[in-house]
Amino acid sequence: MRILATAKRIPGGLMVVPLILGALVNTFCGGVWEKFDGTFTTYLWKSGAMPLLSAFIFCNATTISFRRAGVAVGKGILLTVVKVGIGIAVGLLCGKLFGAAGFLGLSTLAIVAALANSNGGLYAALAAEYGDATDVGAVSILSINDGPFFTMLALGAAGAANIPLSVLLGCIIPVVVGCILGNLDDDIRKFCEPGATMLIPFFAFPLGAGLNIFNLVKAGAAGVLLGLGCLLVTGLGGFAAYKLLRLRHPEVGAAIGATAGNAAATPMAVAAVDATLLAVAETATAQITAAIIVTAVGCPILVSFLHRLAKPAAKDHRRKD
């Protein structure tokens, strides 16, 4: 059976196929995790996404040369500004125009939380497949928009105007250490290099195991619309930013068009600070969960489509040269 070859033929298949399988298991057999709680089974397929993703980021960082490290940081800052800036701007504009009722049932809280939070794991996997080490290294900066910080800032919630330094350092340290070791010792770089690809399906499955497909139904059309909006508005925004600055692999810019898995927890976290948002927090949670699922499937397809568009252009450019 050619399981791996078949998965690779699907756009972003190394990420998408395990992620969907994890979501299916969690949706229809979610109780199975409780039977194996605290064992290698749950660590590998339910709760191990972040440690595995951290190892993946470290392994990838060992392949970044010192002279290109600044490029990774620059790309990370660019993508973070685009993702967060678009999310805040669209959310606040909708709130100003449509008020508390929101746009087609989507509150400002739901829009900002979904659009401003990027799926770092999915971005890293797509960057590894379609970009280079500096694109993957950008996730160390991009990861600071995970969680409720920018959503709270955008909504004016008290005490959330600054990102704790420890959060920023915690995201960057694995990349810095990996980069240093990879440059000091070629054997370390060669040893870690396979991990920059091999670990993708291993952290993809537990990411999917945190999703429930039935939440798509619960959220209705508004949740699907939120996911499509996030995919197209922020994804194409990232792609346009890469193109505007003439960066290599512009399709990787579109990999920010997905909503972070932990964004589903943002509405309740924000409501805990501002109790006036409790009324919309539950609905926003369901809608954001739907957006997570829609973008997790749609983002790899969008990036793959843009990659196919970019290849003929690259060939034409080489012919002119």
C-alpha atoms as a PDB file:
ATOM      1  CA  MET A   1       0.000   0.000   0.000  1.00  0.00           C
ATOM      2  CA  ARG A   2       1.326   3.450  -0.944  1.00  0.00           C
ATOM      3  CA  ILE A   3      -0.184   5.369   1.965  1.00  0.00           C
ATOM      4  CA  LEU A   4       2.555   7.988   2.262  1.00  0.00           C
ATOM      5  CA  ALA A   5       2.736   8.621  -1.490  1.00  0.00           C
ATOM      6  CA  THR A   6      -1.036   9.079  -1.628  1.00  0.00           C
ATOM      7  CA  ALA A   7      -1.008  11.529   1.282  1.00  0.00           C
ATOM      8  CA  LYS A   8       1.748  13.568  -0.374  1.00  0.00           C
ATOM      9  CA  ARG A   9      -0.345  13.980  -3.517  1.00  0.00           C
ATOM     10  CA  ILE A  10      -2.939  15.891  -1.461  1.00  0.00           C
ATOM     11  CA  PRO A  11      -2.134  19.625  -1.032  1.00  0.00           C
ATOM     12  CA  GLY A  12      -0.356  19.869   2.314  1.00  0.00           C
ATOM     13  CA  GLY A  13      -1.138  16.186   2.783  1.00  0.00           C
ATOM     14  CA  LEU A  14       1.502  15.481   5.426  1.00  0.00           C
ATOM     15  CA  MET A  15      -0.304  17.992   7.626  1.00  0.00           C
ATOM     16  CA  VAL A  16      -3.920  17.778   6.469  1.00  0.00           C
ATOM     17  CA  VAL A  17      -4.433  13.995   6.368  1.00  0.00           C
ATOM     18  CA  PRO A  18      -3.264  13.306   9.957  1.00  0.00           C
ATOM     19  CA  LEU A  19      -5.098  16.412  11.171  1.00  0.00           C
ATOM     20  CA  ILE A  20      -8.403  15.261   9.648  1.00  0.00           C
ATOM     21  CA  LEU A  21      -7.892  11.735  10.985  1.00  0.00           C
ATOM     22  CA  GLY A  22      -7.304  13.167  14.452  1.00  0.00           C
ATOM     23  CA  ALA A  23     -10.475  15.271  14.205  1.00  0.00           C
ATOM     24  CA  LEU A  24     -12.506  12.247  13.057  1.00  0.00           C
ATOM     25  CA  VAL A  25     -11.264  10.110  15.947  1.00  0.00           C
ATOM     26  CA  ASN A  26     -11.963  12.885  18.440  1.00  0.00           C
ATOM     27  CA  THR A  27     -15.435  13.542  16.996  1.00  0.00           C
ATOM     28  CA  PHE A  28     -16.698   9.964  16.859  1.00  0.00           C
ATOM     29  CA  CYS A  29     -14.514   8.166  19.416  1.00  0.00           C
ATOM     30  CA  GLY A  30     -13.452  10.989  21.723  1.00  0.00           C
ATOM     31  CA  GLY A  31     -13.980   8.903  24.834  1.00  0.00           C
ATOM     32  CA  VAL A  32     -11.153   6.580  23.858  1.00  0.00           C
ATOM     33  CA  TRP A  33      -8.570   9.085  25.106  1.00  0.00           C
ATOM     34  CA  GLU A  34      -9.863   8.805  28.686  1.00  0.00           C
ATOM     35  CA  LYS A  35      -9.166   5.059  28.707  1.00  0.00           C
ATOM     36  CA  PHE A  36      -5.503   5.671  27.953  1.00  0.00           C
ATOM     37  CA  ASP A  37      -5.016   8.873  29.924  1.00  0.00           C
ATOM     38  CA  GLY A  38      -1.424   9.378  31.049  1.00  0.00           C
ATOM     39  CA  THR A  39       0.025   6.794  28.654  1.00  0.00           C
ATOM     40  CA  PHE A  40       2.177   6.965  25.543  1.00  0.00           C
ATOM     41  CA  THR A  41      -0.996   6.663  23.461  1.00  0.00           C
ATOM     42  CA  THR A  42      -2.458   9.967  24.632  1.00  0.00           C
ATOM     43  CA  TYR A  43       0.928  11.697  24.679  1.00  0.00           C
ATOM     44  CA  LEU A  44       1.482  10.767  21.026  1.00  0.00           C
ATOM     45  CA  TRP A  45      -2.009  11.188  19.562  1.00  0.00           C
ATOM     46  CA  LYS A  46      -3.893  13.557  21.863  1.00  0.00           C
ATOM     47  CA  SER A  47      -1.805  15.880  24.018  1.00  0.00           C
ATOM     48  CA  GLY A  48       1.635  15.831  22.411  1.00  0.00           C
ATOM     49  CA  ALA A  49       1.216  18.459  19.688  1.00  0.00           C
ATOM     50  CA  MET A  50       3.167  21.280  21.338  1.00  0.00           C
ATOM     51  CA  PRO A  51       6.271  19.291  22.420  1.00  0.00           C
ATOM     52  CA  LEU A  52       6.455  17.664  18.978  1.00  0.00           C
ATOM     53  CA  LEU A  53       5.965  21.011  17.250  1.00  0.00           C
ATOM     54  CA  SER A  54       8.713  22.499  19.441  1.00  0.00           C
ATOM     55  CA  ALA A  55      11.075  19.719  18.392  1.00  0.00           C
ATOM     56  CA  PHE A  56      10.141  20.326  14.757  1.00  0.00           C
ATOM     57  CA  ILE A  57      10.905  24.046  15.060  1.00  0.00           C
ATOM     58  CA  PHE A  58      14.240  23.312  16.746  1.00  0.00           C
ATOM     59  CA  CYS A  59      15.253  20.802  14.058  1.00  0.00           C
ATOM     60  CA  ASN A  60      14.357  23.241  11.316  1.00  0.00           C
ATOM     61  CA  ALA A  61      16.315  26.033  13.022  1.00  0.00           C
ATOM     62  CA  THR A  62      19.517  23.984  12.834  1.00  0.00           C
ATOM     63  CA  THR A  63      19.360  24.348   9.039  1.00  0.00           C
ATOM     64  CA  ILE A  64      19.315  28.184   9.163  1.00  0.00           C
ATOM     65  CA  SER A  65      22.707  29.784   8.548  1.00  0.00           C
ATOM     66  CA  PHE A  66      23.690  32.828  10.602  1.00  0.00           C
ATOM     67  CA  ARG A  67      23.644  35.046   7.554  1.00  0.00           C
ATOM     68  CA  ARG A  68      19.984  34.140   6.929  1.00  0.00           C
ATOM     69  CA  ALA A  69      18.734  34.309  10.541  1.00  0.00           C
ATOM     70  CA  GLY A  70      17.819  37.976  10.153  1.00  0.00           C
ATOM     71  CA  VAL A  71      15.677  37.065   7.150  1.00  0.00           C
ATOM     72  CA  ALA A  72      13.638  34.654   9.298  1.00  0.00           C
ATOM     73  CA  VAL A  73      13.027  37.329  11.933  1.00  0.00           C
ATOM     74  CA  GLY A  74      12.087  39.872   9.260  1.00  0.00           C
ATOM     75  CA  LYS A  75       9.575  37.506   7.679  1.00  0.00           C
ATOM     76  CA  GLY A  76       8.111  36.718  11.084  1.00  0.00           C
ATOM     77  CA  ILE A  77       7.598  40.407  11.881  1.00  0.00           C
ATOM     78  CA  LEU A  78       6.060  41.036   8.451  1.00  0.00           C
ATOM     79  CA  LEU A  79       3.587  38.163   8.726  1.00  0.00           C
ATOM     80  CA  THR A  80       2.654  39.053  12.305  1.00  0.00           C
ATOM     81  CA  VAL A  81       1.933  42.673  11.358  1.00  0.00           C
ATOM     82  CA  VAL A  82      -0.170  41.576   8.376  1.00  0.00           C
ATOM     83  CA  LYS A  83      -2.121  38.907  10.294  1.00  0.00           C
ATOM     84  CA  VAL A  84      -2.802  40.946  13.417  1.00  0.00           C
ATOM     85  CA  GLY A  85      -3.288  44.223  11.555  1.00  0.00           C
ATOM     86  CA  ILE A  86      -5.898  42.784   9.191  1.00  0.00           C
ATOM     87  CA  GLY A  87      -7.678  40.945  12.006  1.00  0.00           C
ATOM     88  CA  ILE A  88      -7.963  44.019  14.207  1.00  0.00           C
ATOM     89  CA  ALA A  89      -8.895  46.354  11.343  1.00  0.00           C
ATOM     90  CA  VAL A  90     -11.646  44.105   9.934  1.00  0.00           C
ATOM     91  CA  GLY A  91     -13.058  43.287  13.380  1.00  0.00           C
ATOM     92  CA  LEU A  92     -13.220  46.861  14.613  1.00  0.00           C
ATOM     93  CA  LEU A  93     -14.607  48.115  11.286  1.00  0.00           C
ATOM     94  CA  CYS A  94     -17.431  45.556  11.432  1.00  0.00           C
ATOM     95  CA  GLY A  95     -18.121  46.504  15.032  1.00  0.00           C
ATOM     96  CA  LYS A  96     -18.309  50.190  14.160  1.00  0.00           C
ATOM     97  CA  LEU A  97     -20.584  49.620  11.160  1.00  0.00           C
ATOM     98  CA  PHE A  98     -22.877  46.920  12.537  1.00  0.00           C
ATOM     99  CA  GLY A  99     -22.659  47.352  16.322  1.00  0.00           C
ATOM    100  CA  ALA A 100     -23.293  44.620  18.878  1.00  0.00           C
ATOM    101  CA  ALA A 101     -25.425  42.604  16.440  1.00  0.00           C
ATOM    102  CA  GLY A 102     -22.331  41.993  14.357  1.00  0.00           C
ATOM    103  CA  PHE A 103     -21.931  41.262  10.661  1.00  0.00           C
ATOM    104  CA  LEU A 104     -24.200  38.383   9.569  1.00  0.00           C
ATOM    105  CA  GLY A 105     -24.197  37.094  13.125  1.00  0.00           C
ATOM    106  CA  LEU A 106     -20.430  37.474  13.594  1.00  0.00           C
ATOM    107  CA  SER A 107     -19.474  39.661  16.546  1.00  0.00           C
ATOM    108  CA  THR A 108     -16.346  41.805  16.686  1.00  0.00           C
ATOM    109  CA  LEU A 109     -15.021  39.376  19.293  1.00  0.00           C
ATOM    110  CA  ALA A 110     -15.376  36.383  16.952  1.00  0.00           C
ATOM    111  CA  ILE A 111     -13.883  38.203  13.963  1.00  0.00           C
ATOM    112  CA  VAL A 112     -10.800  39.558  15.748  1.00  0.00           C
ATOM    113  CA  ALA A 113     -10.137  36.320  17.638  1.00  0.00           C
ATOM    114  CA  ALA A 114     -10.317  34.236  14.448  1.00  0.00           C
ATOM    115  CA  LEU A 115      -8.504  36.532  12.031  1.00  0.00           C
ATOM    116  CA  ALA A 116      -5.719  37.769  14.328  1.00  0.00           C
ATOM    117  CA  ASN A 117      -4.657  34.329  15.620  1.00  0.00           C
ATOM    118  CA  SER A 118      -2.545  32.237  13.242  1.00  0.00           C
ATOM    119  CA  ASN A 119      -2.137  28.454  13.274  1.00  0.00           C
ATOM    120  CA  GLY A 120       1.602  28.225  13.908  1.00  0.00           C
ATOM    121  CA  GLY A 121       1.755  24.455  13.422  1.00  0.00           C
ATOM    122  CA  LEU A 122       0.000  24.563  10.069  1.00  0.00           C
ATOM    123  CA  TYR A 123       2.071  27.550   8.953  1.00  0.00           C
ATOM    124  CA  ALA A 124       5.321  25.786   9.871  1.00  0.00           C
ATOM    125  CA  ALA A 125       4.300  22.620   8.020  1.00  0.00           C
ATOM    126  CA  LEU A 126       3.357  24.527   4.866  1.00  0.00           C
ATOM    127  CA  ALA A 127       6.484  26.689   5.075  1.00  0.00           C
ATOM    128  CA  ALA A 128       8.600  23.542   5.289  1.00  0.00           C
ATOM    129  CA  GLU A 129       6.890  22.077   2.219  1.00  0.00           C
ATOM    130  CA  TYR A 130       6.781  25.152  -0.015  1.00  0.00           C
ATOM    131  CA  GLY A 131       9.403  27.535   1.401  1.00  0.00           C
ATOM    132  CA  ASP A 132      12.835  27.362   2.994  1.00  0.00           C
ATOM    133  CA  ALA A 133      14.296  27.363   6.494  1.00  0.00           C
ATOM    134  CA  THR A 134      13.867  31.124   6.917  1.00  0.00           C
ATOM    135  CA  ASP A 135      10.150  30.794   6.205  1.00  0.00           C
ATOM    136  CA  VAL A 136       9.800  28.136   8.893  1.00  0.00           C
ATOM    137  CA  GLY A 137      11.970  30.148  11.272  1.00  0.00           C
ATOM    138  CA  ALA A 138       9.478  33.017  10.963  1.00  0.00           C
ATOM    139  CA  VAL A 139       7.072  31.003  13.135  1.00  0.00           C
ATOM    140  CA  SER A 140       9.126  31.989  16.208  1.00  0.00           C
ATOM    141  CA  ILE A 141       7.880  35.564  15.793  1.00  0.00           C
ATOM    142  CA  LEU A 142       4.486  34.697  14.304  1.00  0.00           C
ATOM    143  CA  SER A 143       3.654  32.575  17.368  1.00  0.00           C
ATOM    144  CA  ILE A 144       3.321  35.630  19.604  1.00  0.00           C
ATOM    145  CA  ASN A 145      -0.156  36.258  18.183  1.00  0.00           C
ATOM    146  CA  ASP A 146      -1.427  32.959  19.583  1.00  0.00           C
ATOM    147  CA  GLY A 147      -3.891  33.468  22.400  1.00  0.00           C
ATOM    148  CA  PRO A 148      -6.020  36.405  23.534  1.00  0.00           C
ATOM    149  CA  PHE A 149      -3.393  39.169  23.771  1.00  0.00           C
ATOM    150  CA  PHE A 150      -4.100  41.054  20.558  1.00  0.00           C
ATOM    151  CA  THR A 151      -7.821  40.367  20.762  1.00  0.00           C
ATOM    152  CA  MET A 152      -7.942  41.929  24.209  1.00  0.00           C
ATOM    153  CA  LEU A 153      -5.852  44.837  22.986  1.00  0.00           C
ATOM    154  CA  ALA A 154      -8.150  45.420  20.036  1.00  0.00           C
ATOM    155  CA  LEU A 155     -11.254  45.356  22.233  1.00  0.00           C
ATOM    156  CA  GLY A 156      -9.693  47.651  24.839  1.00  0.00           C
ATOM    157  CA  ALA A 157      -9.668  45.054  27.641  1.00  0.00           C
ATOM    158  CA  ALA A 158      -7.690  46.184  30.662  1.00  0.00           C
ATOM    159  CA  GLY A 159      -4.223  44.866  31.426  1.00  0.00           C
ATOM    160  CA  ALA A 160      -3.539  43.298  28.052  1.00  0.00           C
ATOM    161  CA  ALA A 161      -1.763  46.082  26.208  1.00  0.00           C
ATOM    162  CA  ASN A 162       1.645  44.455  26.481  1.00  0.00           C
ATOM    163  CA  ILE A 163       2.871  40.974  25.596  1.00  0.00           C
ATOM    164  CA  PRO A 164       4.893  39.477  28.461  1.00  0.00           C
ATOM    165  CA  LEU A 165       8.580  39.283  27.596  1.00  0.00           C
ATOM    166  CA  SER A 166       8.631  35.649  28.760  1.00  0.00           C
ATOM    167  CA  VAL A 167       6.129  34.713  26.027  1.00  0.00           C
ATOM    168  CA  LEU A 168       8.261  36.310  23.325  1.00  0.00           C
ATOM    169  CA  LEU A 169      11.476  34.735  24.636  1.00  0.00           C
ATOM    170  CA  GLY A 170       9.833  31.337  25.000  1.00  0.00           C
ATOM    171  CA  CYS A 171       8.908  31.360  21.309  1.00  0.00           C
ATOM    172  CA  ILE A 172      12.313  32.498  20.090  1.00  0.00           C
ATOM    173  CA  ILE A 173      14.752  30.521  22.287  1.00  0.00           C
ATOM    174  CA  PRO A 174      14.355  27.121  20.495  1.00  0.00           C
ATOM    175  CA  VAL A 175      15.025  28.802  17.153  1.00  0.00           C
ATOM    176  CA  VAL A 176      18.076  30.685  18.466  1.00  0.00           C
ATOM    177  CA  VAL A 177      19.596  27.623  20.141  1.00  0.00           C
ATOM    178  CA  GLY A 178      18.921  25.408  17.117  1.00  0.00           C
ATOM    179  CA  CYS A 179      20.438  27.975  14.760  1.00  0.00           C
ATOM    180  CA  ILE A 180      23.561  28.329  16.916  1.00  0.00           C
ATOM    181  CA  LEU A 181      24.134  24.581  17.238  1.00  0.00           C
ATOM    182  CA  GLY A 182      23.516  23.968  13.536  1.00  0.00           C
ATOM    183  CA  ASN A 183      26.097  26.606  12.621  1.00  0.00           C
ATOM    184  CA  LEU A 184      28.663  25.404  15.152  1.00  0.00           C
ATOM    185  CA  ASP A 185      28.502  21.747  14.107  1.00  0.00           C
ATOM    186  CA  ASP A 186      27.547  20.424  10.669  1.00  0.00           C
ATOM    187  CA  ASP A 187      26.953  16.977  12.181  1.00  0.00           C
ATOM    188  CA  ILE A 188      24.218  18.404  14.432  1.00  0.00           C
ATOM    189  CA  ARG A 189      22.597  20.082  11.437  1.00  0.00           C
ATOM    190  CA  LYS A 190      22.658  16.859   9.397  1.00  0.00           C
ATOM    191  CA  PHE A 191      21.359  14.857  12.368  1.00  0.00           C
ATOM    192  CA  CYS A 192      18.407  17.202  12.956  1.00  0.00           C
ATOM    193  CA  GLU A 193      17.567  17.914   9.317  1.00  0.00           C
ATOM    194  CA  PRO A 194      15.205  14.908   8.826  1.00  0.00           C
ATOM    195  CA  GLY A 195      13.138  16.137  11.793  1.00  0.00           C
ATOM    196  CA  ALA A 196      12.164  19.222   9.801  1.00  0.00           C
ATOM    197  CA  THR A 197       9.919  16.966   7.695  1.00  0.00           C
ATOM    198  CA  MET A 198       9.435  13.731   9.603  1.00  0.00           C
ATOM    199  CA  LEU A 199       7.742  15.314  12.626  1.00  0.00           C
ATOM    200  CA  ILE A 200       4.967  17.070  10.662  1.00  0.00           C
ATOM    201  CA  PRO A 201       2.383  14.242  10.719  1.00  0.00           C
ATOM    202  CA  PHE A 202       3.222  13.491  14.348  1.00  0.00           C
ATOM    203  CA  PHE A 203       2.155  16.912  15.614  1.00  0.00           C
ATOM    204  CA  ALA A 204      -0.640  17.228  13.028  1.00  0.00           C
ATOM    205  CA  PHE A 205      -2.682  14.309  14.399  1.00  0.00           C
ATOM    206  CA  PRO A 206      -2.907  15.606  18.015  1.00  0.00           C
ATOM    207  CA  LEU A 207      -3.734  19.078  16.685  1.00  0.00           C
ATOM    208  CA  GLY A 208      -6.681  17.472  14.880  1.00  0.00           C
ATOM    209  CA  ALA A 209      -7.570  15.518  18.015  1.00  0.00           C
ATOM    210  CA  GLY A 210      -8.476  18.816  19.644  1.00  0.00           C
ATOM    211  CA  LEU A 211     -11.192  19.517  17.057  1.00  0.00           C
ATOM    212  CA  ASN A 212     -14.788  18.363  16.834  1.00  0.00           C
ATOM    213  CA  ILE A 213     -16.303  18.299  13.348  1.00  0.00           C
ATOM    214  CA  PHE A 214     -19.857  18.639  14.714  1.00  0.00           C
ATOM    215  CA  ASN A 215     -18.968  22.186  15.788  1.00  0.00           C
ATOM    216  CA  LEU A 216     -19.256  23.095  12.110  1.00  0.00           C
ATOM    217  CA  VAL A 217     -22.948  22.267  12.299  1.00  0.00           C
ATOM    218  CA  LYS A 218     -23.408  24.071  15.607  1.00  0.00           C
ATOM    219  CA  ALA A 219     -21.793  27.249  14.285  1.00  0.00           C
ATOM    220  CA  GLY A 220     -23.840  27.198  11.092  1.00  0.00           C
ATOM    221  CA  ALA A 221     -23.211  29.319   8.041  1.00  0.00           C
ATOM    222  CA  ALA A 222     -21.725  32.157  10.111  1.00  0.00           C
ATOM    223  CA  GLY A 223     -18.884  29.944  11.341  1.00  0.00           C
ATOM    224  CA  VAL A 224     -18.109  28.707   7.830  1.00  0.00           C
ATOM    225  CA  LEU A 225     -18.198  32.303   6.565  1.00  0.00           C
ATOM    226  CA  LEU A 226     -15.773  33.325   9.303  1.00  0.00           C
ATOM    227  CA  GLY A 227     -13.376  30.558   8.263  1.00  0.00           C
ATOM    228  CA  LEU A 228     -13.559  31.454   4.570  1.00  0.00           C
ATOM    229  CA  GLY A 229     -13.092  35.124   5.401  1.00  0.00           C
ATOM    230  CA  CYS A 230     -10.016  34.382   7.499  1.00  0.00           C
ATOM    231  CA  LEU A 231      -8.587  32.153   4.772  1.00  0.00           C
ATOM    232  CA  LEU A 232      -9.048  34.615   1.927  1.00  0.00           C
ATOM    233  CA  VAL A 233      -8.545  37.972   3.634  1.00  0.00           C
ATOM    234  CA  THR A 234      -5.497  37.187   5.785  1.00  0.00           C
ATOM    235  CA  GLY A 235      -4.125  34.453   3.499  1.00  0.00           C
ATOM    236  CA  LEU A 236      -4.170  36.623   0.392  1.00  0.00           C
ATOM    237  CA  GLY A 237      -2.940  39.517   2.529  1.00  0.00           C
ATOM    238  CA  GLY A 238       0.167  37.532   3.479  1.00  0.00           C
ATOM    239  CA  PHE A 239       0.664  36.466  -0.133  1.00  0.00           C
ATOM    240  CA  ALA A 240       0.374  40.091  -1.323  1.00  0.00           C
ATOM    241  CA  ALA A 241       2.901  41.246   1.297  1.00  0.00           C
ATOM    242  CA  TYR A 242       5.443  38.664   0.101  1.00  0.00           C
ATOM    243  CA  LYS A 243       4.836  39.644  -3.518  1.00  0.00           C
ATOM    244  CA  LEU A 244       5.073  43.364  -2.774  1.00  0.00           C
ATOM    245  CA  LEU A 245       8.471  42.918  -1.109  1.00  0.00           C
ATOM    246  CA  ARG A 246       9.591  40.468  -3.832  1.00  0.00           C
ATOM    247  CA  LEU A 247      10.334  37.713  -1.308  1.00  0.00           C
ATOM    248  CA  ARG A 248      10.963  34.176  -2.484  1.00  0.00           C
ATOM    249  CA  HIS A 249       8.151  31.627  -2.171  1.00  0.00           C
ATOM    250  CA  PRO A 250       5.311  34.175  -1.951  1.00  0.00           C
ATOM    251  CA  GLU A 251       2.799  31.350  -1.552  1.00  0.00           C
ATOM    252  CA  VAL A 252       4.175  30.801   1.964  1.00  0.00           C
ATOM    253  CA  GLY A 253       2.759  34.199   2.923  1.00  0.00           C
ATOM    254  CA  ALA A 254      -0.710  32.731   2.420  1.00  0.00           C
ATOM    255  CA  ALA A 255       0.023  30.112   5.091  1.00  0.00           C
ATOM    256  CA  ILE A 256      -1.061  32.645   7.732  1.00  0.00           C
ATOM    257  CA  GLY A 257      -4.623  32.266   6.437  1.00  0.00           C
ATOM    258  CA  ALA A 258      -5.539  29.725   9.133  1.00  0.00           C
ATOM    259  CA  THR A 259      -6.984  30.228  12.615  1.00  0.00           C
ATOM    260  CA  ALA A 260      -5.028  28.935  15.606  1.00  0.00           C
ATOM    261  CA  GLY A 261      -6.475  25.957  17.438  1.00  0.00           C
ATOM    262  CA  ASN A 262      -6.249  27.777  20.759  1.00  0.00           C
ATOM    263  CA  ALA A 263      -8.242  30.714  19.346  1.00  0.00           C
ATOM    264  CA  ALA A 264     -11.398  28.841  20.392  1.00  0.00           C
ATOM    265  CA  ALA A 265     -10.497  29.596  24.002  1.00  0.00           C
ATOM    266  CA  THR A 266     -10.072  33.322  23.343  1.00  0.00           C
ATOM    267  CA  PRO A 267     -13.717  34.463  23.704  1.00  0.00           C
ATOM    268  CA  MET A 268     -14.061  33.063  27.217  1.00  0.00           C
ATOM    269  CA  ALA A 269     -10.627  34.403  28.173  1.00  0.00           C
ATOM    270  CA  VAL A 270     -11.628  37.870  26.986  1.00  0.00           C
ATOM    271  CA  ALA A 271     -15.042  37.616  28.672  1.00  0.00           C
ATOM    272  CA  ALA A 272     -13.295  36.790  31.940  1.00  0.00           C
ATOM    273  CA  VAL A 273     -11.688  40.228  31.735  1.00  0.00           C
ATOM    274  CA  ASP A 274     -14.686  42.090  30.296  1.00  0.00           C
ATOM    275  CA  ALA A 275     -17.945  40.568  31.583  1.00  0.00           C
ATOM    276  CA  THR A 276     -20.013  42.561  29.070  1.00  0.00           C
ATOM    277  CA  LEU A 277     -18.833  40.135  26.367  1.00  0.00           C
ATOM    278  CA  LEU A 278     -20.222  37.039  28.094  1.00  0.00           C
ATOM    279  CA  ALA A 279     -23.403  37.286  26.028  1.00  0.00           C
ATOM    280  CA  VAL A 280     -21.554  36.726  22.752  1.00  0.00           C
ATOM    281  CA  ALA A 281     -18.651  34.602  23.990  1.00  0.00           C
ATOM    282  CA  GLU A 282     -20.395  31.218  23.701  1.00  0.00           C
ATOM    283  CA  THR A 283     -21.602  31.824  20.143  1.00  0.00           C
ATOM    284  CA  ALA A 284     -18.201  33.222  19.191  1.00  0.00           C
ATOM    285  CA  THR A 285     -16.512  30.073  20.528  1.00  0.00           C
ATOM    286  CA  ALA A 286     -18.583  27.824  18.257  1.00  0.00           C
ATOM    287  CA  GLN A 287     -17.998  30.088  15.257  1.00  0.00           C
ATOM    288  CA  ILE A 288     -14.243  30.227  15.842  1.00  0.00           C
ATOM    289  CA  THR A 289     -14.087  26.448  16.198  1.00  0.00           C
ATOM    290  CA  ALA A 290     -15.758  26.152  12.805  1.00  0.00           C
ATOM    291  CA  ALA A 291     -13.245  28.623  11.381  1.00  0.00           C
ATOM    292  CA  ILE A 292     -10.391  26.511  12.759  1.00  0.00           C
ATOM    293  CA  ILE A 293     -11.666  23.448  10.907  1.00  0.00           C
ATOM    294  CA  VAL A 294     -12.444  25.304   7.664  1.00  0.00           C
ATOM    295  CA  THR A 295      -9.049  27.019   7.540  1.00  0.00           C
ATOM    296  CA  ALA A 296      -7.123  23.892   8.557  1.00  0.00           C
ATOM    297  CA  VAL A 297      -8.469  22.181   5.430  1.00  0.00           C
ATOM    298  CA  GLY A 298      -8.626  25.220   3.140  1.00  0.00           C
ATOM    299  CA  CYS A 299      -5.257  26.855   3.877  1.00  0.00           C
ATOM    300  CA  PRO A 300      -3.099  24.040   2.434  1.00  0.00           C
ATOM    301  CA  ILE A 301      -5.301  24.029  -0.670  1.00  0.00           C
ATOM    302  CA  LEU A 302      -4.884  27.801  -1.098  1.00  0.00           C
ATOM    303  CA  VAL A 303      -1.106  27.646  -0.622  1.00  0.00           C
ATOM    304  CA  SER A 304      -0.819  24.751  -3.074  1.00  0.00           C
ATOM    305  CA  PHE A 305      -2.917  26.636  -5.635  1.00  0.00           C
ATOM    306  CA  LEU A 306      -0.753  29.753  -5.328  1.00  0.00           C
ATOM    307  CA  HIS A 307       2.372  27.586  -5.585  1.00  0.00           C
ATOM    308  CA  ARG A 308       1.163  26.153  -8.888  1.00  0.00           C
ATOM    309  CA  LEU A 309       0.474  29.676 -10.145  1.00  0.00           C
ATOM    310  CA  ALA A 310       3.939  30.833  -9.117  1.00  0.00           C
ATOM    311  CA  LYS A 311       5.815  28.026 -10.908  1.00  0.00           C
ATOM    312  CA  PRO A 312       4.919  29.080 -14.491  1.00  0.00           C
ATOM    313  CA  ALA A 313       5.828  32.679 -13.641  1.00  0.00           C
ATOM    314  CA  ALA A 314       9.214  31.547 -12.324  1.00  0.00           C
ATOM    315  CA  LYS A 315       9.850  29.555 -15.508  1.00  0.00           C
ATOM    316  CA  ASP A 316       8.959  32.539 -17.704  1.00  0.00           C
ATOM    317  CA  HIS A 317      11.324  34.719 -15.682  1.00  0.00           C
ATOM    318  CA  ARG A 318      14.197  32.250 -16.188  1.00  0.00           C
ATOM    319  CA  ARG A 319      13.550  32.172 -19.945  1.00  0.00           C
ATOM    320  CA  LYS A 320      13.806  35.980 -20.123  1.00  0.00           C
ATOM    321  CA  ASP A 321      17.080  35.836 -18.241  1.00  0.00           C
END
